[in-house]
C-alpha atoms as a PDB file:
ATOM      1  CA  UNK A   1      30.674  21.069  41.131  1.00  0.00           C
ATOM      2  CA  UNK A   2      30.559  20.300  44.879  1.00  0.00           C
ATOM      3  CA  UNK A   3      33.473  18.828  46.794  1.00  0.00           C
ATOM      4  CA  UNK A   4      32.544  16.704  49.827  1.00  0.00           C
ATOM      5  CA  UNK A   5      34.890  17.040  52.777  1.00  0.00           C
ATOM      6  CA  UNK A   6      34.274  15.302  56.098  1.00  0.00           C
ATOM      7  CA  UNK A   7      36.085  16.989  58.889  1.00  0.00           C
ATOM      8  CA  UNK A   8      37.534  14.815  61.596  1.00  0.00           C
ATOM      9  CA  UNK A   9      36.980  11.567  59.775  1.00  0.00           C
ATOM     10  CA  UNK A  10      39.330   8.787  61.112  1.00  0.00           C
ATOM     11  CA  UNK A  11      42.398   8.266  59.034  1.00  0.00           C
ATOM     12  CA  UNK A  12      41.805  11.428  57.159  1.00  0.00           C
ATOM     13  CA  UNK A  13      43.710  14.709  57.048  1.00  0.00           C
ATOM     14  CA  UNK A  14      41.768  17.590  58.595  1.00  0.00           C
ATOM     15  CA  UNK A  15      39.520  19.357  56.029  1.00  0.00           C
ATOM     16  CA  UNK A  16      40.161  22.710  57.224  1.00  0.00           C
ATOM     17  CA  UNK A  17      43.093  24.895  58.362  1.00  0.00           C
ATOM     18  CA  UNK A  18      41.373  25.868  61.483  1.00  0.00           C
ATOM     19  CA  UNK A  19      41.363  29.642  60.401  1.00  0.00           C
ATOM     20  CA  UNK A  20      38.340  31.625  59.544  1.00  0.00           C
ATOM     21  CA  UNK A  21      37.793  34.236  56.862  1.00  0.00           C
ATOM     22  CA  UNK A  22      36.178  37.408  57.332  1.00  0.00           C
ATOM     23  CA  UNK A  23      32.585  35.958  57.464  1.00  0.00           C
ATOM     24  CA  UNK A  24      33.616  33.440  60.272  1.00  0.00           C
ATOM     25  CA  UNK A  25      33.890  30.485  57.865  1.00  0.00           C
ATOM     26  CA  UNK A  26      36.761  27.908  58.080  1.00  0.00           C
ATOM     27  CA  UNK A  27      38.989  28.048  55.208  1.00  0.00           C
ATOM     28  CA  UNK A  28      39.410  24.547  53.173  1.00  0.00           C
ATOM     29  CA  UNK A  29      42.825  22.880  53.580  1.00  0.00           C
ATOM     30  CA  UNK A  30      42.986  22.443  49.755  1.00  0.00           C
ATOM     31  CA  UNK A  31      41.648  25.616  48.245  1.00  0.00           C
ATOM     32  CA  UNK A  32      40.101  25.720  44.788  1.00  0.00           C
ATOM     33  CA  UNK A  33      41.756  27.422  41.891  1.00  0.00           C
ATOM     34  CA  UNK A  34      40.331  30.782  40.893  1.00  0.00           C
ATOM     35  CA  UNK A  35      37.184  30.432  38.782  1.00  0.00           C
ATOM     36  CA  UNK A  36      37.785  30.980  35.004  1.00  0.00           C
ATOM     37  CA  UNK A  37      34.896  32.864  33.457  1.00  0.00           C
ATOM     38  CA  UNK A  38      33.781  31.533  30.051  1.00  0.00           C
ATOM     39  CA  UNK A  39      33.174  33.640  26.909  1.00  0.00           C
ATOM     40  CA  UNK A  40      29.428  33.045  27.477  1.00  0.00           C
ATOM     41  CA  UNK A  41      29.836  34.379  30.927  1.00  0.00           C
ATOM     42  CA  UNK A  42      30.840  37.675  29.826  1.00  0.00           C
ATOM     43  CA  UNK A  43      29.663  38.121  26.297  1.00  0.00           C
ATOM     44  CA  UNK A  44      25.681  38.100  25.890  1.00  0.00           C
ATOM     45  CA  UNK A  45      25.972  37.610  22.232  1.00  0.00           C
ATOM     46  CA  UNK A  46      28.132  34.499  22.723  1.00  0.00           C
ATOM     47  CA  UNK A  47      25.646  33.087  25.199  1.00  0.00           C
ATOM     48  CA  UNK A  48      22.859  33.904  22.807  1.00  0.00           C
ATOM     49  CA  UNK A  49      24.789  32.079  20.045  1.00  0.00           C
ATOM     50  CA  UNK A  50      25.301  28.995  22.349  1.00  0.00           C
ATOM     51  CA  UNK A  51      21.599  29.025  23.098  1.00  0.00           C
ATOM     52  CA  UNK A  52      20.659  29.055  19.440  1.00  0.00           C
ATOM     53  CA  UNK A  53      23.158  26.142  18.863  1.00  0.00           C
ATOM     54  CA  UNK A  54      21.575  24.022  21.512  1.00  0.00           C
ATOM     55  CA  UNK A  55      18.046  24.826  20.377  1.00  0.00           C
ATOM     56  CA  UNK A  56      19.119  23.928  16.804  1.00  0.00           C
ATOM     57  CA  UNK A  57      20.406  20.528  17.985  1.00  0.00           C
ATOM     58  CA  UNK A  58      17.008  19.803  19.863  1.00  0.00           C
ATOM     59  CA  UNK A  59      15.072  21.032  16.744  1.00  0.00           C
ATOM     60  CA  UNK A  60      16.982  18.772  14.529  1.00  0.00           C
ATOM     61  CA  UNK A  61      16.488  15.964  16.694  1.00  0.00           C
ATOM     62  CA  UNK A  62      12.574  16.354  16.654  1.00  0.00           C
ATOM     63  CA  UNK A  63      12.890  16.748  12.776  1.00  0.00           C
ATOM     64  CA  UNK A  64      14.756  13.413  12.455  1.00  0.00           C
ATOM     65  CA  UNK A  65      12.136  11.614  14.572  1.00  0.00           C
ATOM     66  CA  UNK A  66       9.596  12.937  11.927  1.00  0.00           C
ATOM     67  CA  UNK A  67      11.963  11.687   9.209  1.00  0.00           C
ATOM     68  CA  UNK A  68      12.150   8.310  10.896  1.00  0.00           C
ATOM     69  CA  UNK A  69       8.126   7.883  10.726  1.00  0.00           C
ATOM     70  CA  UNK A  70       8.126   9.036   7.111  1.00  0.00           C
ATOM     71  CA  UNK A  71      10.905   6.460   6.169  1.00  0.00           C
ATOM     72  CA  UNK A  72       9.123   3.846   8.004  1.00  0.00           C
ATOM     73  CA  UNK A  73       5.960   4.410   6.246  1.00  0.00           C
ATOM     74  CA  UNK A  74       7.203   5.195   2.827  1.00  0.00           C
ATOM     75  CA  UNK A  75      10.383   3.118   2.168  1.00  0.00           C
ATOM     76  CA  UNK A  76       9.603  -0.366   1.293  1.00  0.00           C
ATOM     77  CA  UNK A  77      11.663  -3.251   2.607  1.00  0.00           C
ATOM     78  CA  UNK A  78      12.423  -4.563  -0.956  1.00  0.00           C
ATOM     79  CA  UNK A  79      14.501  -1.420  -1.634  1.00  0.00           C
ATOM     80  CA  UNK A  80      18.121  -1.644  -1.369  1.00  0.00           C
ATOM     81  CA  UNK A  81      21.246   0.843  -1.269  1.00  0.00           C
ATOM     82  CA  UNK A  82      24.004  -0.524  -3.459  1.00  0.00           C
ATOM     83  CA  UNK A  83      27.491   0.732  -2.256  1.00  0.00           C
ATOM     84  CA  UNK A  84      29.502  -1.269  -4.524  1.00  0.00           C
ATOM     85  CA  UNK A  85      32.464  -3.184  -3.011  1.00  0.00           C
ATOM     86  CA  UNK A  86      31.262  -1.954   0.466  1.00  0.00           C
ATOM     87  CA  UNK A  87      27.968  -4.176   0.193  1.00  0.00           C
ATOM     88  CA  UNK A  88      24.313  -4.011  -0.639  1.00  0.00           C
ATOM     89  CA  UNK A  89      21.981  -2.698   2.280  1.00  0.00           C
ATOM     90  CA  UNK A  90      18.354  -2.543   2.981  1.00  0.00           C
ATOM     91  CA  UNK A  91      17.515   1.055   2.369  1.00  0.00           C
ATOM     92  CA  UNK A  92      14.885   0.987   5.004  1.00  0.00           C
ATOM     93  CA  UNK A  93      17.236  -0.272   7.788  1.00  0.00           C
ATOM     94  CA  UNK A  94      19.882   2.414   6.658  1.00  0.00           C
ATOM     95  CA  UNK A  95      17.362   5.302   6.940  1.00  0.00           C
ATOM     96  CA  UNK A  96      15.794   4.050  10.174  1.00  0.00           C
ATOM     97  CA  UNK A  97      19.250   3.819  11.825  1.00  0.00           C
ATOM     98  CA  UNK A  98      20.437   6.953  10.532  1.00  0.00           C
ATOM     99  CA  UNK A  99      17.360   9.203  11.699  1.00  0.00           C
ATOM    100  CA  UNK A 100      16.817   7.441  14.962  1.00  0.00           C
ATOM    101  CA  UNK A 101      20.677   7.311  15.829  1.00  0.00           C
ATOM    102  CA  UNK A 102      20.993  10.960  14.796  1.00  0.00           C
ATOM    103  CA  UNK A 103      17.949  12.111  16.873  1.00  0.00           C
ATOM    104  CA  UNK A 104      19.382  10.398  19.928  1.00  0.00           C
ATOM    105  CA  UNK A 105      22.842  11.812  19.192  1.00  0.00           C
ATOM    106  CA  UNK A 106      21.557  15.358  18.924  1.00  0.00           C
ATOM    107  CA  UNK A 107      19.601  15.326  22.175  1.00  0.00           C
ATOM    108  CA  UNK A 108      22.769  14.244  23.878  1.00  0.00           C
ATOM    109  CA  UNK A 109      25.060  16.667  22.135  1.00  0.00           C
ATOM    110  CA  UNK A 110      22.757  19.521  22.822  1.00  0.00           C
ATOM    111  CA  UNK A 111      22.421  18.603  26.498  1.00  0.00           C
ATOM    112  CA  UNK A 112      26.326  18.552  26.715  1.00  0.00           C
ATOM    113  CA  UNK A 113      26.670  21.854  24.942  1.00  0.00           C
ATOM    114  CA  UNK A 114      24.081  23.385  27.175  1.00  0.00           C
ATOM    115  CA  UNK A 115      25.987  22.292  30.276  1.00  0.00           C
ATOM    116  CA  UNK A 116      29.358  23.398  29.166  1.00  0.00           C
ATOM    117  CA  UNK A 117      28.407  26.811  27.683  1.00  0.00           C
ATOM    118  CA  UNK A 118      25.330  28.034  29.540  1.00  0.00           C
ATOM    119  CA  UNK A 119      24.851  26.326  33.000  1.00  0.00           C
ATOM    120  CA  UNK A 120      26.809  27.558  35.929  1.00  0.00           C
ATOM    121  CA  UNK A 121      30.313  25.842  36.178  1.00  0.00           C
ATOM    122  CA  UNK A 122      31.677  27.450  39.374  1.00  0.00           C
ATOM    123  CA  UNK A 123      33.166  24.857  41.846  1.00  0.00           C
ATOM    124  CA  UNK A 124      32.054  24.955  45.541  1.00  0.00           C
ATOM    125  CA  UNK A 125      33.224  23.246  48.745  1.00  0.00           C
ATOM    126  CA  UNK A 126      30.644  21.885  51.137  1.00  0.00           C
ATOM    127  CA  UNK A 127      30.744  19.696  54.157  1.00  0.00           C
ATOM    128  CA  UNK A 128      29.060  16.683  55.031  1.00  0.00           C
ATOM    129  CA  UNK A 129      26.438  16.947  57.737  1.00  0.00           C
ATOM    130  CA  UNK A 130      24.357  14.593  59.774  1.00  0.00           C
ATOM    131  CA  UNK A 131      21.978  12.400  57.876  1.00  0.00           C
ATOM    132  CA  UNK A 132      18.782  13.553  59.912  1.00  0.00           C
ATOM    133  CA  UNK A 133      16.795  16.280  58.003  1.00  0.00           C
ATOM    134  CA  UNK A 134      15.357  19.242  59.735  1.00  0.00           C
ATOM    135  CA  UNK A 135      13.144  22.072  58.434  1.00  0.00           C
ATOM    136  CA  UNK A 136      16.121  24.192  57.956  1.00  0.00           C
ATOM    137  CA  UNK A 137      17.974  21.567  55.741  1.00  0.00           C
ATOM    138  CA  UNK A 138      14.709  21.054  53.688  1.00  0.00           C
ATOM    139  CA  UNK A 139      14.455  24.796  53.265  1.00  0.00           C
ATOM    140  CA  UNK A 140      18.255  24.993  52.220  1.00  0.00           C
ATOM    141  CA  UNK A 141      17.659  22.058  49.825  1.00  0.00           C
ATOM    142  CA  UNK A 142      14.792  23.714  48.190  1.00  0.00           C
ATOM    143  CA  UNK A 143      16.779  26.918  47.859  1.00  0.00           C
ATOM    144  CA  UNK A 144      19.643  25.016  46.342  1.00  0.00           C
ATOM    145  CA  UNK A 145      17.274  23.379  43.913  1.00  0.00           C
ATOM    146  CA  UNK A 146      15.825  26.681  42.896  1.00  0.00           C
ATOM    147  CA  UNK A 147      19.357  28.129  42.592  1.00  0.00           C
ATOM    148  CA  UNK A 148      20.283  25.252  40.299  1.00  0.00           C
ATOM    149  CA  UNK A 149      17.128  25.884  38.149  1.00  0.00           C
ATOM    150  CA  UNK A 150      18.015  29.240  37.686  1.00  0.00           C
ATOM    151  CA  UNK A 151      21.666  28.756  37.005  1.00  0.00           C
ATOM    152  CA  UNK A 152      20.606  25.999  34.419  1.00  0.00           C
ATOM    153  CA  UNK A 153      18.760  28.749  32.436  1.00  0.00           C
ATOM    154  CA  UNK A 154      15.914  26.260  32.008  1.00  0.00           C
ATOM    155  CA  UNK A 155      13.310  28.843  33.137  1.00  0.00           C
ATOM    156  CA  UNK A 156      14.814  31.716  31.408  1.00  0.00           C
ATOM    157  CA  UNK A 157      15.952  30.308  28.064  1.00  0.00           C
ATOM    158  CA  UNK A 158      12.601  29.683  26.442  1.00  0.00           C
ATOM    159  CA  UNK A 159      14.076  28.445  23.104  1.00  0.00           C
ATOM    160  CA  UNK A 160      16.104  25.884  24.650  1.00  0.00           C
ATOM    161  CA  UNK A 161      13.327  24.719  26.967  1.00  0.00           C
ATOM    162  CA  UNK A 162      10.712  24.349  24.219  1.00  0.00           C
ATOM    163  CA  UNK A 163      12.876  22.737  21.634  1.00  0.00           C
ATOM    164  CA  UNK A 164      14.076  20.239  24.344  1.00  0.00           C
ATOM    165  CA  UNK A 165      10.559  19.465  25.328  1.00  0.00           C
ATOM    166  CA  UNK A 166       9.594  18.931  21.735  1.00  0.00           C
ATOM    167  CA  UNK A 167      12.579  16.550  20.996  1.00  0.00           C
ATOM    168  CA  UNK A 168      11.883  14.518  24.247  1.00  0.00           C
ATOM    169  CA  UNK A 169       8.107  14.404  23.572  1.00  0.00           C
ATOM    170  CA  UNK A 170       8.794  12.977  19.984  1.00  0.00           C
ATOM    171  CA  UNK A 171      11.661  10.680  21.081  1.00  0.00           C
ATOM    172  CA  UNK A 172       9.289   7.708  22.161  1.00  0.00           C
ATOM    173  CA  UNK A 173       7.484   7.786  18.663  1.00  0.00           C
ATOM    174  CA  UNK A 174       9.976   5.352  16.961  1.00  0.00           C
ATOM    175  CA  UNK A 175       9.612   2.866  19.879  1.00  0.00           C
ATOM    176  CA  UNK A 176       6.014   2.908  19.405  1.00  0.00           C
ATOM    177  CA  UNK A 177       6.258   2.601  15.563  1.00  0.00           C
ATOM    178  CA  UNK A 178       8.577  -0.278  15.894  1.00  0.00           C
ATOM    179  CA  UNK A 179       6.108  -2.279  17.851  1.00  0.00           C
ATOM    180  CA  UNK A 180       4.134  -2.702  14.390  1.00  0.00           C
ATOM    181  CA  UNK A 181       7.048  -4.796  13.303  1.00  0.00           C
ATOM    182  CA  UNK A 182       6.223  -7.418  15.947  1.00  0.00           C
ATOM    183  CA  UNK A 183       3.446  -8.732  13.484  1.00  0.00           C
ATOM    184  CA  UNK A 184      -0.211  -8.390  13.145  1.00  0.00           C
ATOM    185  CA  UNK A 185      -2.482  -7.807  16.141  1.00  0.00           C
ATOM    186  CA  UNK A 186      -3.557 -11.227  17.527  1.00  0.00           C
ATOM    187  CA  UNK A 187      -7.180 -10.516  17.734  1.00  0.00           C
ATOM    188  CA  UNK A 188      -8.996 -13.568  18.789  1.00  0.00           C
ATOM    189  CA  UNK A 189      -6.282 -15.894  17.285  1.00  0.00           C
ATOM    190  CA  UNK A 190      -5.111 -16.764  20.793  1.00  0.00           C
ATOM    191  CA  UNK A 191      -8.404 -17.864  21.876  1.00  0.00           C
ATOM    192  CA  UNK A 192      -9.716 -19.735  18.863  1.00  0.00           C
ATOM    193  CA  UNK A 193      -8.567 -22.530  16.569  1.00  0.00           C
ATOM    194  CA  UNK A 194      -9.771 -24.162  13.343  1.00  0.00           C
ATOM    195  CA  UNK A 195     -11.653 -26.924  15.194  1.00  0.00           C
ATOM    196  CA  UNK A 196     -15.406 -26.792  14.530  1.00  0.00           C
ATOM    197  CA  UNK A 197     -18.405 -28.907  14.864  1.00  0.00           C
ATOM    198  CA  UNK A 198     -18.217 -31.996  12.327  1.00  0.00           C
ATOM    199  CA  UNK A 199     -14.404 -31.282  11.858  1.00  0.00           C
ATOM    200  CA  UNK A 200     -13.003 -34.690  11.178  1.00  0.00           C
ATOM    201  CA  UNK A 201     -10.126 -35.872  13.415  1.00  0.00           C
ATOM    202  CA  UNK A 202      -7.172 -37.379  11.521  1.00  0.00           C
ATOM    203  CA  UNK A 203      -3.832 -38.958  12.382  1.00  0.00           C
ATOM    204  CA  UNK A 204      -0.990 -36.440  12.616  1.00  0.00           C
ATOM    205  CA  UNK A 205       1.392 -36.384   9.586  1.00  0.00           C
ATOM    206  CA  UNK A 206      -0.406 -39.133   7.743  1.00  0.00           C
ATOM    207  CA  UNK A 207      -3.793 -37.442   7.966  1.00  0.00           C
ATOM    208  CA  UNK A 208      -5.628 -40.648   8.133  1.00  0.00           C
ATOM    209  CA  UNK A 209      -9.438 -40.381   9.565  1.00  0.00           C
ATOM    210  CA  UNK A 210      -9.641 -42.145  12.734  1.00  0.00           C
ATOM    211  CA  UNK A 211     -12.349 -44.654  14.040  1.00  0.00           C
ATOM    212  CA  UNK A 212     -13.006 -45.483  17.606  1.00  0.00           C
ATOM    213  CA  UNK A 213     -11.705 -48.966  17.184  1.00  0.00           C
ATOM    214  CA  UNK A 214      -8.301 -47.712  15.977  1.00  0.00           C
ATOM    215  CA  UNK A 215      -7.521 -46.714  19.524  1.00  0.00           C
ATOM    216  CA  UNK A 216      -7.218 -49.421  22.284  1.00  0.00           C
ATOM    217  CA  UNK A 217      -7.631 -48.927  25.878  1.00  0.00           C
ATOM    218  CA  UNK A 218      -4.477 -47.369  27.224  1.00  0.00           C
ATOM    219  CA  UNK A 219      -3.447 -46.180  23.739  1.00  0.00           C
ATOM    220  CA  UNK A 220      -2.532 -42.745  22.716  1.00  0.00           C
ATOM    221  CA  UNK A 221      -2.711 -41.055  19.174  1.00  0.00           C
ATOM    222  CA  UNK A 222      -1.456 -37.792  17.929  1.00  0.00           C
ATOM    223  CA  UNK A 223      -4.124 -36.063  15.873  1.00  0.00           C
ATOM    224  CA  UNK A 224      -4.907 -32.898  13.917  1.00  0.00           C
ATOM    225  CA  UNK A 225      -7.971 -31.470  12.232  1.00  0.00           C
ATOM    226  CA  UNK A 226      -8.966 -33.102   8.839  1.00  0.00           C
ATOM    227  CA  UNK A 227      -9.051 -29.671   7.072  1.00  0.00           C
ATOM    228  CA  UNK A 228      -5.476 -29.237   7.317  1.00  0.00           C
ATOM    229  CA  UNK A 229      -5.042 -31.676   4.440  1.00  0.00           C
ATOM    230  CA  UNK A 230      -6.739 -29.050   2.178  1.00  0.00           C
ATOM    231  CA  UNK A 231      -4.407 -26.179   3.271  1.00  0.00           C
ATOM    232  CA  UNK A 232      -1.264 -28.351   3.770  1.00  0.00           C
ATOM    233  CA  UNK A 233       0.799 -25.592   1.983  1.00  0.00           C
ATOM    234  CA  UNK A 234      -1.247 -22.648   2.574  1.00  0.00           C
ATOM    235  CA  UNK A 235       0.293 -19.473   4.228  1.00  0.00           C
ATOM    236  CA  UNK A 236       0.053 -19.538   8.039  1.00  0.00           C
ATOM    237  CA  UNK A 237      -0.861 -23.211   8.146  1.00  0.00           C
ATOM    238  CA  UNK A 238       1.712 -23.985  10.531  1.00  0.00           C
ATOM    239  CA  UNK A 239       0.468 -21.546  13.203  1.00  0.00           C
ATOM    240  CA  UNK A 240      -3.025 -23.133  12.913  1.00  0.00           C
ATOM    241  CA  UNK A 241      -1.517 -26.525  12.877  1.00  0.00           C
ATOM    242  CA  UNK A 242       0.443 -25.701  16.041  1.00  0.00           C
ATOM    243  CA  UNK A 243      -2.474 -24.551  17.980  1.00  0.00           C
ATOM    244  CA  UNK A 244      -4.962 -27.408  16.848  1.00  0.00           C
ATOM    245  CA  UNK A 245      -2.808 -30.467  17.383  1.00  0.00           C
ATOM    246  CA  UNK A 246      -4.401 -32.847  19.955  1.00  0.00           C
ATOM    247  CA  UNK A 247      -3.894 -36.142  21.692  1.00  0.00           C
ATOM    248  CA  UNK A 248      -6.557 -38.909  21.964  1.00  0.00           C
ATOM    249  CA  UNK A 249      -6.439 -41.370  24.840  1.00  0.00           C
ATOM    250  CA  UNK A 250      -8.728 -44.140  25.602  1.00  0.00           C
ATOM    251  CA  UNK A 251      -9.688 -45.636  28.916  1.00  0.00           C
ATOM    252  CA  UNK A 252     -12.591 -47.431  30.273  1.00  0.00           C
ATOM    253  CA  UNK A 253     -15.666 -45.004  31.066  1.00  0.00           C
ATOM    254  CA  UNK A 254     -15.581 -46.027  34.504  1.00  0.00           C
ATOM    255  CA  UNK A 255     -11.946 -44.729  34.816  1.00  0.00           C
ATOM    256  CA  UNK A 256     -13.056 -41.128  33.881  1.00  0.00           C
ATOM    257  CA  UNK A 257     -13.396 -39.295  37.274  1.00  0.00           C
ATOM    258  CA  UNK A 258     -14.504 -35.883  35.465  1.00  0.00           C
ATOM    259  CA  UNK A 259     -14.636 -33.995  32.286  1.00  0.00           C
ATOM    260  CA  UNK A 260     -14.568 -30.297  31.338  1.00  0.00           C
ATOM    261  CA  UNK A 261     -18.136 -30.827  29.788  1.00  0.00           C
ATOM    262  CA  UNK A 262     -20.820 -33.402  29.953  1.00  0.00           C
ATOM    263  CA  UNK A 263     -20.291 -36.154  27.645  1.00  0.00           C
ATOM    264  CA  UNK A 264     -17.359 -34.865  25.817  1.00  0.00           C
ATOM    265  CA  UNK A 265     -15.889 -38.142  25.457  1.00  0.00           C
ATOM    266  CA  UNK A 266     -16.846 -41.001  23.011  1.00  0.00           C
ATOM    267  CA  UNK A 267     -16.974 -44.381  24.829  1.00  0.00           C
ATOM    268  CA  UNK A 268     -13.905 -43.444  27.000  1.00  0.00           C
ATOM    269  CA  UNK A 269     -12.002 -41.850  24.123  1.00  0.00           C
ATOM    270  CA  UNK A 270     -10.776 -38.217  25.352  1.00  0.00           C
ATOM    271  CA  UNK A 271      -9.361 -35.511  23.252  1.00  0.00           C
ATOM    272  CA  UNK A 272      -6.888 -32.971  24.850  1.00  0.00           C
ATOM    273  CA  UNK A 273      -4.798 -30.266  23.466  1.00  0.00           C
ATOM    274  CA  UNK A 274      -1.257 -31.328  22.793  1.00  0.00           C
ATOM    275  CA  UNK A 275       0.245 -27.959  23.923  1.00  0.00           C
ATOM    276  CA  UNK A 276       1.422 -27.536  27.549  1.00  0.00           C
ATOM    277  CA  UNK A 277      -0.206 -24.681  29.230  1.00  0.00           C
ATOM    278  CA  UNK A 278       3.150 -23.745  30.969  1.00  0.00           C
ATOM    279  CA  UNK A 279       5.318 -22.460  28.174  1.00  0.00           C
ATOM    280  CA  UNK A 280       3.828 -24.334  25.272  1.00  0.00           C
ATOM    281  CA  UNK A 281       5.863 -27.545  24.855  1.00  0.00           C
ATOM    282  CA  UNK A 282       4.347 -30.237  22.786  1.00  0.00           C
ATOM    283  CA  UNK A 283       3.434 -33.202  25.036  1.00  0.00           C
ATOM    284  CA  UNK A 284       2.910 -37.041  24.378  1.00  0.00           C
ATOM    285  CA  UNK A 285       4.435 -38.836  27.439  1.00  0.00           C
ATOM    286  CA  UNK A 286       1.372 -40.778  28.822  1.00  0.00           C
ATOM    287  CA  UNK A 287       1.322 -43.273  31.628  1.00  0.00           C
ATOM    288  CA  UNK A 288      -1.839 -45.174  30.969  1.00  0.00           C
ATOM    289  CA  UNK A 289      -1.999 -46.709  34.559  1.00  0.00           C
ATOM    290  CA  UNK A 290      -2.199 -43.398  36.409  1.00  0.00           C
ATOM    291  CA  UNK A 291      -3.618 -41.503  33.254  1.00  0.00           C
ATOM    292  CA  UNK A 292      -1.034 -38.903  33.644  1.00  0.00           C
ATOM    293  CA  UNK A 293       0.406 -36.926  30.876  1.00  0.00           C
ATOM    294  CA  UNK A 294       3.966 -35.544  31.533  1.00  0.00           C
ATOM    295  CA  UNK A 295       5.380 -32.504  29.764  1.00  0.00           C
ATOM    296  CA  UNK A 296       9.220 -33.267  29.098  1.00  0.00           C
ATOM    297  CA  UNK A 297      10.233 -29.764  29.260  1.00  0.00           C
ATOM    298  CA  UNK A 298       9.415 -28.722  32.846  1.00  0.00           C
ATOM    299  CA  UNK A 299       7.753 -31.920  34.169  1.00  0.00           C
ATOM    300  CA  UNK A 300       4.129 -30.445  34.359  1.00  0.00           C
ATOM    301  CA  UNK A 301       1.938 -33.400  34.981  1.00  0.00           C
ATOM    302  CA  UNK A 302      -1.724 -33.421  34.092  1.00  0.00           C
ATOM    303  CA  UNK A 303      -4.444 -36.024  35.005  1.00  0.00           C
ATOM    304  CA  UNK A 304      -6.556 -36.792  31.869  1.00  0.00           C
ATOM    305  CA  UNK A 305      -8.897 -38.872  33.824  1.00  0.00           C
ATOM    306  CA  UNK A 306      -9.890 -35.890  35.992  1.00  0.00           C
ATOM    307  CA  UNK A 307     -10.595 -33.093  33.341  1.00  0.00           C
ATOM    308  CA  UNK A 308      -6.738 -32.711  32.610  1.00  0.00           C
ATOM    309  CA  UNK A 309      -6.131 -31.013  35.797  1.00  0.00           C
ATOM    310  CA  UNK A 310      -2.531 -30.140  36.909  1.00  0.00           C
ATOM    311  CA  UNK A 311      -1.200 -32.531  39.580  1.00  0.00           C
ATOM    312  CA  UNK A 312       2.500 -31.429  39.583  1.00  0.00           C
ATOM    313  CA  UNK A 313       4.751 -29.022  38.038  1.00  0.00           C
ATOM    314  CA  UNK A 314       4.824 -25.075  37.222  1.00  0.00           C
ATOM    315  CA  UNK A 315       1.678 -25.329  34.920  1.00  0.00           C
ATOM    316  CA  UNK A 316      -1.236 -23.389  36.491  1.00  0.00           C
ATOM    317  CA  UNK A 317      -3.993 -24.245  34.111  1.00  0.00           C
ATOM    318  CA  UNK A 318      -5.409 -27.436  32.975  1.00  0.00           C
ATOM    319  CA  UNK A 319      -5.125 -28.809  29.518  1.00  0.00           C
ATOM    320  CA  UNK A 320      -8.184 -27.710  27.362  1.00  0.00           C
ATOM    321  CA  UNK A 321     -10.380 -30.591  26.384  1.00  0.00           C
ATOM    322  CA  UNK A 322     -11.920 -31.045  22.985  1.00  0.00           C
ATOM    323  CA  UNK A 323     -15.425 -32.322  22.906  1.00  0.00           C
ATOM    324  CA  UNK A 324     -15.649 -35.271  20.367  1.00  0.00           C
ATOM    325  CA  UNK A 325     -18.169 -37.568  18.962  1.00  0.00           C
ATOM    326  CA  UNK A 326     -18.565 -39.573  15.656  1.00  0.00           C
ATOM    327  CA  UNK A 327     -20.054 -38.800  12.253  1.00  0.00           C
ATOM    328  CA  UNK A 328     -22.452 -40.963  10.016  1.00  0.00           C
ATOM    329  CA  UNK A 329     -19.563 -42.767   8.650  1.00  0.00           C
ATOM    330  CA  UNK A 330     -18.315 -43.745  12.011  1.00  0.00           C
ATOM    331  CA  UNK A 331     -15.290 -41.512  12.134  1.00  0.00           C
ATOM    332  CA  UNK A 332     -14.106 -39.394  15.080  1.00  0.00           C
ATOM    333  CA  UNK A 333     -15.156 -35.809  14.781  1.00  0.00           C
ATOM    334  CA  UNK A 334     -15.018 -32.640  16.957  1.00  0.00           C
ATOM    335  CA  UNK A 335     -18.329 -31.413  18.524  1.00  0.00           C
ATOM    336  CA  UNK A 336     -16.967 -27.841  18.573  1.00  0.00           C
ATOM    337  CA  UNK A 337     -13.853 -25.827  19.242  1.00  0.00           C
ATOM    338  CA  UNK A 338     -12.099 -25.723  22.445  1.00  0.00           C
ATOM    339  CA  UNK A 339     -13.978 -23.753  25.132  1.00  0.00           C
ATOM    340  CA  UNK A 340     -10.784 -22.834  26.578  1.00  0.00           C
ATOM    341  CA  UNK A 341      -7.657 -21.104  24.979  1.00  0.00           C
ATOM    342  CA  UNK A 342      -4.812 -23.368  24.232  1.00  0.00           C
ATOM    343  CA  UNK A 343      -1.204 -22.972  24.545  1.00  0.00           C
ATOM    344  CA  UNK A 344       0.825 -21.272  27.219  1.00  0.00           C
ATOM    345  CA  UNK A 345      -0.855 -19.070  29.908  1.00  0.00           C
ATOM    346  CA  UNK A 346      -0.094 -15.316  29.842  1.00  0.00           C
ATOM    347  CA  UNK A 347      -1.102 -12.345  31.912  1.00  0.00           C
ATOM    348  CA  UNK A 348      -4.656 -12.208  30.955  1.00  0.00           C
ATOM    349  CA  UNK A 349      -5.307 -15.870  31.694  1.00  0.00           C
ATOM    350  CA  UNK A 350      -5.925 -17.419  35.011  1.00  0.00           C
END
């Protein structure tokens, strides 16, 4: 332990007595108590025993990390631990908590035991010096570092060093394993929807097919893919529905300034994703005079007459447009899937 004293500081008592010892060094005003040697300082067997104890803690920590992975893989989530009046607990959570918590505790306990029993514990007095660093100071610091390394026993005590490195090397494994619980890998699901060529467009909720005549100029209709009717209760349908919802707006063809693809409208009817590209809020606030679509969450505004480009707000990506046409029965259908990913932007998207 090092005590920092500043001689001559304003408002402070002098740090030294003004007398010098035989080596010419000033004596501290508040001398430290005589250093008490520990058993491990005088008895090599006690030091070796303490080293084994520390190494055992680090080794057990590594084994508990392995046990954590085994429990994660082998114990099913439908297995429970019944403790009677105390309660019923999911066995997987109990084992994961005990193994990972025990591993963290043993690393900490081993480090504390190492510091208390094996590292040097002699207190020293040092004085503050000017902040500027010269070659002599740097050399002194390097020497102090090497002395500290030697006193810690890290280089000499191979058993402690190896078990600590092993425990710390395995420590991040549970954190990586737990990432698996975030869900299945997204694959291409963030860039594709269930829209495809010929997919009929139906009204949202009622799932009624839409004819062009159903949408007046200036009108807006919330819509979904027609295939959702067949999988209304299928697992994962809500995720597909959330990505595929669109809005249909109609304006006169001469009011359309630009589109994301040539001829993607049908007689002035345009289809855009209903999901804001900022943080994914659903949008349906349409001003038919300006053709602006406003997100109610953070006021991002998109010009649907000009390729759905952003004209205001925090969104930095335009609304994806769905190319549409009509089928042989005269109902509106998609010409293909979106050509751009729908939903909020993330770090891979511009």
